């Protein structure tokens, strides 16, 4: 009898492991995990190298420029990372439909990019803050151009994560090599955005080649109706994405309006390192799972929600185990990057770890609104959160500097967590009945 039970259990486990959902998610996760694990190594080399070579103040300048350019990346992305990825996940069996979506989205992103460059060009001539570092900001724009060319939403929708991994890994290697070759003194800080731009454009061109020759995705001149449809589909997620990006990507730029360049550098270091805790493995697991959740929801809502809740539990277990370790070992973790003890960075890092913990414990749940196609509610939630978050950042940073900024981010994440939990409970109850 015991032997029979073991045999049944073995067969049950084997059947689960061979299921399409598990197999594809595992493949996606492992593909993304490879580049993310190696991605830990590259920052541990590049960050200390940059801080030592160009100094904390110049490092803060490059981070400020990158933070501001994040606004233009937000514009060019529109709502496509969510809307286009979801459409492709549903229509992935039709190469003609996928090509239609791809062509319309790439065209719109290119138009937005041209508009963004004109705006940036004018800012560098007529606004003193940008004019003082004109070359730094203009060279940083290459990151936006490369992002437009890199259709990560296409690979996610088709669940071809291995290509993302290969491209990201190659780019990180190119950036590392170029950084060591061209950034050799404090005056070379100007080459940092140029190197990053070259790397991003490289990955963009390579991804277009792969999409065309490996995935049979063809670019055709899109019809006006297709462009209008994509604009309409992406609108609500654009509003929510704009809100999210404004209080995430623009933090360093907002912070730079209140404090010295050196303190910007200290804060930037803490944010970059704290962000690593969120990117791997939680954000990696989300990116690996989201296309499958989108596709599954269109055929079986109950299974999709069950899978989403399971992934959220895994995220919670990891976060609750890792967060205390990061908090306690904050000085040692930052010393690995900076090779020195910076009190401002340590206290900021510890507060940001709390905010990342809250965000990780909500990362799957909040994406239910995208998976279910409830873009409007997702948009409203993050638009309100963005407004409140910006106000908190402005007020608390003005009084408490780096500590105020970190506290504002933590309070914001807590508010989003509570609101999302309340909203999703009623939806889950309806759809699981």
Protein backbone atom coordinates (compact mmCIF):
# COMPACT_ATOMS: atom_id res chain seq x y z
CA UNK A 1 0.00 0.00 0.00
CA UNK A 2 2.82 2.42 0.91
CA UNK A 3 4.54 1.59 -2.37
CA UNK A 4 1.30 2.27 -4.26
CA UNK A 5 0.89 5.66 -2.55
CA UNK A 6 4.46 6.66 -3.36
CA UNK A 7 3.86 5.66 -6.98
CA UNK A 8 0.65 7.71 -7.16
CA UNK A 9 2.31 10.73 -5.54
CA UNK A 10 5.26 10.45 -7.91
CA UNK A 11 2.97 10.35 -10.92
CA UNK A 12 0.99 13.31 -9.62
CA UNK A 13 4.11 15.39 -9.11
CA UNK A 14 5.48 14.36 -12.48
CA UNK A 15 2.23 15.34 -14.18
CA UNK A 16 2.36 18.76 -12.55
CA UNK A 17 5.95 19.31 -13.54
CA UNK A 18 5.14 18.40 -17.11
CA UNK A 19 2.21 20.82 -17.27
CA UNK A 20 2.46 23.57 -19.85
CA UNK A 21 2.12 26.35 -17.28
CA UNK A 22 4.86 25.11 -15.01
CA UNK A 23 7.24 24.18 -17.82
CA UNK A 24 6.93 27.51 -19.62
CA UNK A 25 7.10 29.59 -16.45
CA UNK A 26 10.16 27.64 -15.29
CA UNK A 27 11.87 28.12 -18.64
CA UNK A 28 11.08 31.84 -18.59
CA UNK A 29 12.21 32.21 -14.99
CA UNK A 30 15.48 30.34 -15.51
CA UNK A 31 16.20 32.33 -18.66
CA UNK A 32 15.65 35.63 -16.87
CA UNK A 33 17.36 34.38 -13.71
CA UNK A 34 20.59 33.68 -15.56
CA UNK A 35 20.96 37.26 -16.70
CA UNK A 36 19.75 38.65 -13.37
CA UNK A 37 22.26 36.60 -11.39
CA UNK A 38 25.03 37.76 -13.67
CA UNK A 39 23.43 41.17 -13.47
CA UNK A 40 24.39 41.23 -9.80
CA UNK A 41 28.03 40.77 -10.74
CA UNK A 42 28.13 43.63 -13.25
CA UNK A 43 26.86 46.32 -10.82
CA UNK A 44 29.25 45.04 -8.16
CA UNK A 45 32.02 45.81 -10.65
CA UNK A 46 30.67 48.92 -12.37
CA UNK A 47 29.25 50.78 -9.35
CA UNK A 48 32.45 50.65 -7.23
CA UNK A 49 34.49 51.45 -10.34
CA UNK A 50 32.39 54.50 -11.18
CA UNK A 51 32.25 55.81 -7.62
CA UNK A 52 36.02 55.40 -7.27
CA UNK A 53 36.85 56.80 -10.73
CA UNK A 54 34.46 59.75 -11.18
CA UNK A 55 33.53 60.35 -7.52
CA UNK A 56 30.20 60.38 -5.71
CA UNK A 57 29.26 63.87 -6.94
CA UNK A 58 29.75 63.07 -10.64
CA UNK A 59 28.02 59.73 -10.14
CA UNK A 60 25.07 61.66 -8.75
CA UNK A 61 25.01 63.82 -11.90
CA UNK A 62 24.82 60.78 -14.18
CA UNK A 63 22.06 59.28 -12.05
CA UNK A 64 20.12 62.56 -12.12
CA UNK A 65 20.29 62.65 -15.93
CA UNK A 66 19.22 59.00 -16.16
CA UNK A 67 16.35 59.68 -13.75
CA UNK A 68 15.10 62.61 -15.82
CA UNK A 69 15.39 60.64 -19.08
CA UNK A 70 13.15 58.07 -17.43
CA UNK A 71 10.30 60.53 -18.03
CA UNK A 72 10.85 60.28 -21.79
CA UNK A 73 11.11 56.50 -21.60
CA UNK A 74 7.76 56.59 -19.84
CA UNK A 75 6.30 58.63 -22.71
CA UNK A 76 7.69 56.40 -25.47
CA UNK A 77 6.55 53.26 -23.67
CA UNK A 78 3.03 54.68 -23.39
CA UNK A 79 0.92 51.78 -22.05
CA UNK A 80 2.43 49.24 -24.44
CA UNK A 81 4.41 47.14 -21.93
CA UNK A 82 1.05 46.03 -20.53
CA UNK A 83 -1.49 46.41 -23.36
CA UNK A 84 0.67 45.15 -26.26
CA UNK A 85 2.16 42.30 -24.23
CA UNK A 86 -1.33 41.16 -23.23
CA UNK A 87 -2.61 41.34 -26.82
CA UNK A 88 0.35 39.33 -28.12
CA UNK A 89 -0.01 36.73 -25.36
CA UNK A 90 -3.60 36.15 -26.46
CA UNK A 91 -2.94 36.27 -30.24
CA UNK A 92 0.48 34.60 -30.29
CA UNK A 93 -0.70 31.70 -32.48
CA UNK A 94 -1.33 34.14 -35.35
CA UNK A 95 1.93 35.53 -36.77
CA UNK A 96 -0.07 37.95 -38.92
CA UNK A 97 -1.85 39.43 -35.90
CA UNK A 98 1.37 39.61 -33.89
CA UNK A 99 3.08 41.44 -36.76
CA UNK A 100 0.16 43.85 -36.97
CA UNK A 101 0.44 44.68 -33.26
CA UNK A 102 4.24 44.94 -33.48
CA UNK A 103 4.16 47.33 -36.46
CA UNK A 104 1.61 49.67 -34.92
CA UNK A 105 3.36 49.82 -31.55
CA UNK A 106 6.86 50.38 -32.97
CA UNK A 107 5.53 53.17 -35.21
CA UNK A 108 3.83 54.95 -32.34
CA UNK A 109 6.86 54.58 -30.06
CA UNK A 110 9.07 56.10 -32.78
CA UNK A 111 6.75 59.10 -33.13
CA UNK A 112 6.78 59.62 -29.36
CA UNK A 113 10.59 59.37 -29.39
CA UNK A 114 10.91 62.14 -32.00
CA UNK A 115 8.61 64.37 -29.97
CA UNK A 116 10.61 63.62 -26.78
CA UNK A 117 13.94 64.48 -28.39
CA UNK A 118 12.62 67.84 -29.59
CA UNK A 119 11.46 68.65 -26.05
CA UNK A 120 14.81 67.62 -24.52
CA UNK A 121 16.74 69.59 -27.16
CA UNK A 122 14.78 72.74 -26.32
CA UNK A 123 15.27 72.20 -22.58
CA UNK A 124 19.04 71.98 -22.97
CA UNK A 125 19.07 75.37 -24.66
CA UNK A 126 16.56 77.36 -22.61
CA UNK A 127 16.67 75.90 -19.06
CA UNK A 128 19.85 76.55 -17.10
CA UNK A 129 19.78 73.29 -15.08
CA UNK A 130 19.89 71.31 -18.33
CA UNK A 131 22.08 73.75 -20.23
CA UNK A 132 24.88 73.35 -17.68
CA UNK A 133 25.09 69.64 -18.49
CA UNK A 134 23.82 69.78 -22.08
CA UNK A 135 26.04 67.01 -23.43
CA UNK A 136 25.26 64.74 -20.48
CA UNK A 137 21.52 64.94 -21.11
CA UNK A 138 21.70 64.70 -24.91
CA UNK A 139 23.97 61.66 -24.81
CA UNK A 140 21.65 60.06 -22.27
CA UNK A 141 18.85 60.17 -24.83
CA UNK A 142 20.40 57.20 -26.61
CA UNK A 143 18.98 55.07 -23.78
CA UNK A 144 15.48 56.18 -24.81
CA UNK A 145 16.20 55.38 -28.47
CA UNK A 146 17.50 51.92 -27.58
CA UNK A 147 14.47 51.26 -25.39
CA UNK A 148 12.17 52.13 -28.30
CA UNK A 149 13.97 49.61 -30.51
CA UNK A 150 13.91 46.85 -27.89
CA UNK A 151 10.42 45.26 -27.98
CA UNK A 152 10.61 43.46 -24.66
CA UNK A 153 6.79 43.41 -24.64
CA UNK A 154 6.92 41.29 -27.82
CA UNK A 155 9.24 38.68 -26.28
CA UNK A 156 7.18 38.63 -23.09
CA UNK A 157 3.92 38.16 -24.97
CA UNK A 158 5.41 35.31 -27.01
CA UNK A 159 7.07 33.91 -23.86
CA UNK A 160 10.49 33.95 -25.50
CA UNK A 161 12.39 35.11 -22.43
CA UNK A 162 15.63 33.41 -23.43
CA UNK A 163 16.18 36.09 -26.07
CA UNK A 164 15.77 38.81 -23.45
CA UNK A 165 18.37 37.05 -21.33
CA UNK A 166 20.90 36.69 -24.14
CA UNK A 167 20.47 40.29 -25.27
CA UNK A 168 20.67 41.73 -21.76
CA UNK A 169 23.73 39.67 -20.93
CA UNK A 170 25.52 40.74 -24.11
CA UNK A 171 24.67 44.38 -23.48
CA UNK A 172 25.87 44.31 -19.88
CA UNK A 173 29.18 42.86 -21.05
CA UNK A 174 29.55 45.56 -23.73
CA UNK A 175 28.73 48.33 -21.23
CA UNK A 176 31.19 46.94 -18.69
CA UNK A 177 33.98 46.76 -21.26
CA UNK A 178 33.32 50.25 -22.66
CA UNK A 179 33.06 51.74 -19.16
CA UNK A 180 36.48 50.40 -18.17
CA UNK A 181 38.00 51.53 -21.48
CA UNK A 182 36.62 55.07 -21.64
CA UNK A 183 35.84 56.14 -18.06
CA UNK A 184 39.27 56.63 -16.51
CA UNK A 185 39.07 59.94 -14.60
CA UNK A 186 36.47 62.31 -13.02
CA UNK A 187 36.29 64.29 -16.27
CA UNK A 188 35.17 61.15 -18.09
CA UNK A 189 31.81 61.10 -16.29
CA UNK A 190 30.36 62.50 -19.51
CA UNK A 191 31.06 59.16 -21.21
CA UNK A 192 28.91 57.19 -18.75
CA UNK A 193 25.58 57.98 -20.48
CA UNK A 194 27.20 57.56 -23.90
CA UNK A 195 28.37 54.07 -23.01
CA UNK A 196 24.94 53.17 -21.65
CA UNK A 197 23.30 54.57 -24.79
CA UNK A 198 25.55 52.53 -27.08
CA UNK A 199 24.71 49.40 -25.11
CA UNK A 200 20.98 50.06 -25.20
CA UNK A 201 20.96 50.80 -28.93
CA UNK A 202 22.97 47.62 -29.53
CA UNK A 203 20.36 45.51 -27.74
CA UNK A 204 17.59 47.28 -29.64
CA UNK A 205 19.02 46.59 -33.08
CA UNK A 206 19.81 42.97 -32.19
CA UNK A 207 16.29 42.40 -30.85
CA UNK A 208 14.68 43.70 -34.07
CA UNK A 209 16.87 41.28 -36.03
CA UNK A 210 15.80 38.35 -33.81
CA UNK A 211 12.13 39.30 -34.01
CA UNK A 212 12.28 39.36 -37.81
CA UNK A 213 14.44 36.33 -38.57
CA UNK A 214 13.79 34.04 -35.59
CA UNK A 215 10.22 34.80 -34.57
CA UNK A 216 8.85 35.59 -38.03
CA UNK A 217 7.54 39.00 -36.95
CA UNK A 218 7.32 41.31 -39.95
CA UNK A 219 7.12 45.09 -39.95
CA UNK A 220 4.53 46.61 -42.26
CA UNK A 221 3.23 50.15 -42.57
CA UNK A 222 0.36 50.17 -40.06
CA UNK A 223 -3.12 51.36 -40.92
CA UNK A 224 -4.48 54.45 -39.20
CA UNK A 225 -7.18 52.34 -37.57
CA UNK A 226 -4.55 50.07 -36.04
CA UNK A 227 -2.66 53.05 -34.63
CA UNK A 228 -5.85 54.47 -33.15
CA UNK A 229 -6.71 51.10 -31.62
CA UNK A 230 -3.31 50.80 -29.92
CA UNK A 231 -3.54 54.34 -28.60
CA UNK A 232 -6.94 53.58 -27.14
CA UNK A 233 -5.88 50.21 -25.69
CA UNK A 234 -2.78 51.66 -24.09
CA UNK A 235 -4.31 54.86 -22.72
CA UNK A 236 -5.34 53.71 -19.24
CA UNK A 237 -2.14 51.76 -18.71
CA UNK A 238 -0.20 54.77 -19.96
CA UNK A 239 -1.80 56.95 -17.31
CA UNK A 240 -1.06 54.38 -14.61
CA UNK A 241 2.40 53.69 -16.05
CA UNK A 242 3.14 57.40 -16.17
CA UNK A 243 2.05 57.70 -12.56
CA UNK A 244 4.16 54.71 -11.50
CA UNK A 245 7.23 55.84 -13.40
CA UNK A 246 6.94 59.40 -12.23
CA UNK A 247 7.24 58.42 -8.58
CA UNK A 248 9.78 55.64 -9.25
CA UNK A 249 12.05 56.61 -12.15
CA UNK A 250 12.10 60.35 -11.32
CA UNK A 251 12.97 60.07 -7.63
CA UNK A 252 16.62 60.98 -8.05
CA UNK A 253 15.77 63.96 -10.26
CA UNK A 254 13.19 65.23 -7.75
CA UNK A 255 15.69 64.71 -4.95
CA UNK A 256 18.34 66.69 -6.88
CA UNK A 257 16.10 69.78 -6.77
CA UNK A 258 16.54 70.05 -3.00
CA UNK A 259 20.01 68.83 -2.06
CA UNK A 260 23.68 68.97 -2.97
CA UNK A 261 25.20 66.88 -5.75
CA UNK A 262 27.10 64.81 -3.21
CA UNK A 263 23.97 63.90 -1.26
CA UNK A 264 22.28 62.98 -4.54
CA UNK A 265 25.14 60.54 -5.09
CA UNK A 266 24.70 59.01 -1.63
CA UNK A 267 20.96 58.58 -2.14
CA UNK A 268 21.43 57.17 -5.66
CA UNK A 269 23.76 54.47 -4.35
CA UNK A 270 21.25 53.38 -1.71
CA UNK A 271 18.40 53.29 -4.21
CA UNK A 272 20.37 51.33 -6.79
CA UNK A 273 21.40 48.65 -4.30
CA UNK A 274 17.93 48.42 -2.71
CA UNK A 275 16.48 48.05 -6.19
CA UNK A 276 18.62 44.95 -6.76
CA UNK A 277 16.76 43.26 -3.90
CA UNK A 278 13.48 43.85 -5.76
CA UNK A 279 14.65 42.99 -9.27
CA UNK A 280 15.89 39.50 -8.44
CA UNK A 281 14.16 37.22 -8.03
CA UNK A 282 10.76 38.91 -7.52
CA UNK A 283 10.56 41.14 -10.60
CA UNK A 284 12.16 38.33 -12.60
CA UNK A 285 9.49 35.89 -11.42
CA UNK A 286 6.78 38.42 -12.30
CA UNK A 287 8.10 38.94 -15.84
CA UNK A 288 8.35 35.18 -16.31
CA UNK A 289 4.80 34.56 -15.06
CA UNK A 290 2.82 37.54 -16.35
CA UNK A 291 2.45 36.38 -20.01
CA UNK A 292 1.20 32.98 -18.82
CA UNK A 293 -1.26 34.66 -16.44
CA UNK A 294 -2.56 36.86 -19.26
CA UNK A 295 -3.05 33.91 -21.58
CA UNK A 296 -4.54 31.69 -18.88
CA UNK A 297 -7.02 34.36 -17.76
CA UNK A 298 -8.52 34.45 -21.27
CA UNK A 299 -9.33 30.71 -21.04
CA UNK A 300 -9.70 29.94 -17.32
CA UNK A 301 -10.07 32.85 -14.90
CA UNK A 302 -10.09 30.66 -11.79
CA UNK A 303 -6.79 28.95 -12.59
CA UNK A 304 -5.21 32.28 -13.48
CA UNK A 305 -6.16 33.81 -10.13
CA UNK A 306 -5.03 30.70 -8.24
CA UNK A 307 -1.65 30.86 -9.98
CA UNK A 308 -1.35 34.59 -9.28
CA UNK A 309 -2.06 34.10 -5.58
CA UNK A 310 0.44 31.23 -5.42
CA UNK A 311 3.15 33.39 -6.98
CA UNK A 312 2.37 36.17 -4.51
CA UNK A 313 2.80 33.75 -1.59
CA UNK A 314 6.21 32.68 -2.91
CA UNK A 315 7.16 36.33 -3.19
CA UNK A 316 6.07 36.94 0.40
CA UNK A 317 8.09 33.99 1.76
CA UNK A 318 11.25 35.16 0.03
CA UNK A 319 10.78 38.79 1.03
CA UNK A 320 10.13 38.08 4.69
CA UNK A 321 13.24 35.90 4.83
CA UNK A 322 15.58 38.23 2.93
CA UNK A 323 14.50 41.67 4.18
CA UNK A 324 15.78 41.31 7.78
CA UNK A 325 19.13 40.07 6.48
CA UNK A 326 19.47 43.08 4.15
CA UNK A 327 18.44 45.45 6.95
CA UNK A 328 20.94 44.09 9.46
CA UNK A 329 23.81 43.74 6.99
CA UNK A 330 23.22 47.12 5.32
CA UNK A 331 26.71 48.51 6.13
CA UNK A 332 28.43 45.39 4.78
CA UNK A 333 26.27 45.27 1.65
CA UNK A 334 26.95 48.90 0.76
CA UNK A 335 30.65 48.51 1.54
CA UNK A 336 30.82 45.85 -1.19
CA UNK A 337 29.77 48.55 -3.65
CA UNK A 338 31.43 51.70 -2.31
CA UNK A 339 34.40 50.23 -0.39
CA UNK A 340 33.66 52.77 2.35
CA UNK A 341 31.09 53.44 5.06
CA UNK A 342 28.64 56.22 4.17
CA UNK A 343 26.10 56.84 7.00
CA UNK A 344 23.68 58.69 4.71
CA UNK A 345 23.55 55.79 2.28
CA UNK A 346 23.19 53.18 5.04
CA UNK A 347 20.18 54.79 6.74
CA UNK A 348 18.54 55.48 3.36
CA UNK A 349 19.12 51.89 2.26
CA UNK A 350 17.52 50.50 5.41
CA UNK A 351 14.37 52.58 4.98
CA UNK A 352 14.18 51.70 1.29
CA UNK A 353 14.44 48.00 2.15
CA UNK A 354 11.21 48.42 4.12
CA UNK A 355 9.56 50.03 1.08
CA UNK A 356 10.82 47.27 -1.22
CA UNK A 357 9.50 44.65 1.21
CA UNK A 358 6.01 46.17 1.04
CA UNK A 359 6.19 46.46 -2.76
CA UNK A 360 7.30 42.83 -3.13
CA UNK A 361 4.39 41.66 -1.01
CA UNK A 362 2.00 43.34 -3.44
CA UNK A 363 3.77 42.92 -6.77
CA UNK A 364 1.63 40.06 -8.15
CA UNK A 365 -1.63 41.09 -6.54
CA UNK A 366 -1.58 44.60 -8.02
CA UNK A 367 -1.07 43.13 -11.51
CA UNK A 368 -4.40 41.35 -11.26
CA UNK A 369 -6.00 44.51 -12.69
CA UNK A 370 -3.80 44.21 -15.80
CA UNK A 371 -4.34 40.48 -16.19
CA UNK A 372 -8.12 40.91 -15.95
CA UNK A 373 -8.08 43.83 -18.38
CA UNK A 374 -9.31 46.25 -15.71
CA UNK A 375 -6.98 49.00 -16.90
CA UNK A 376 -9.22 51.80 -15.66
CA UNK A 377 -9.02 50.77 -12.00
CA UNK A 378 -5.29 50.12 -12.30
CA UNK A 379 -4.91 53.61 -13.76
CA UNK A 380 -6.99 55.30 -11.08
CA UNK A 381 -5.13 53.55 -8.27
CA UNK A 382 -1.68 54.61 -9.46
CA UNK A 383 -2.69 58.10 -10.59
CA UNK A 384 -3.96 58.91 -7.11
CA UNK A 385 -0.92 57.21 -5.56
CA UNK A 386 1.41 59.22 -7.79
CA UNK A 387 -0.14 62.53 -6.79
CA UNK A 388 0.03 61.69 -3.09
CA UNK A 389 3.54 60.27 -3.48
CA UNK A 390 4.93 63.35 -5.22
CA UNK A 391 3.45 65.58 -2.53
CA UNK A 392 5.01 63.42 0.19
CA UNK A 393 8.39 63.47 -1.55
CA UNK A 394 8.38 67.23 -1.96
CA UNK A 395 7.36 67.94 1.62
CA UNK A 396 9.41 65.31 3.46
CA UNK A 397 12.53 65.80 1.32
CA UNK A 398 12.41 69.52 1.97
CA UNK A 399 12.49 68.92 5.73
CA UNK A 400 14.37 65.64 6.16
CA UNK A 401 16.45 65.32 2.96
CA UNK A 402 17.41 61.71 2.08
CA UNK A 403 15.59 60.27 5.08
CA UNK A 404 12.45 62.17 4.10
CA UNK A 405 12.58 60.87 0.53
CA UNK A 406 12.96 57.26 1.70
CA UNK A 407 10.11 57.62 4.23
CA UNK A 408 7.85 59.15 1.55
CA UNK A 409 8.47 56.17 -0.74
CA UNK A 410 7.75 53.73 2.09
CA UNK A 411 4.49 55.43 3.04
CA UNK A 412 3.44 55.44 -0.60
CA UNK A 413 4.08 51.71 -1.06
CA UNK A 414 2.16 51.00 2.15
CA UNK A 415 -0.84 52.96 0.87
CA UNK A 416 -0.82 51.11 -2.47
CA UNK A 417 -0.55 47.76 -0.65
CA UNK A 418 -3.55 48.41 1.60
CA UNK A 419 -5.71 49.78 -1.22
CA UNK A 420 -4.86 46.91 -3.57
CA UNK A 421 -5.61 44.30 -0.90
CA UNK A 422 -9.03 45.80 -0.21
CA UNK A 423 -9.96 46.12 -3.90
CA UNK A 424 -8.80 42.66 -5.02
CA UNK A 425 -10.54 40.80 -2.20
CA UNK A 426 -13.98 41.53 -3.63
CA UNK A 427 -12.90 40.70 -7.21
CA UNK A 428 -11.31 37.40 -6.17
CA UNK A 429 -14.43 36.46 -4.25
CA UNK A 430 -16.66 37.01 -7.32
CA UNK A 431 -14.46 35.20 -9.83
CA UNK A 432 -13.64 32.20 -7.64
CA UNK A 433 -17.29 31.40 -6.95
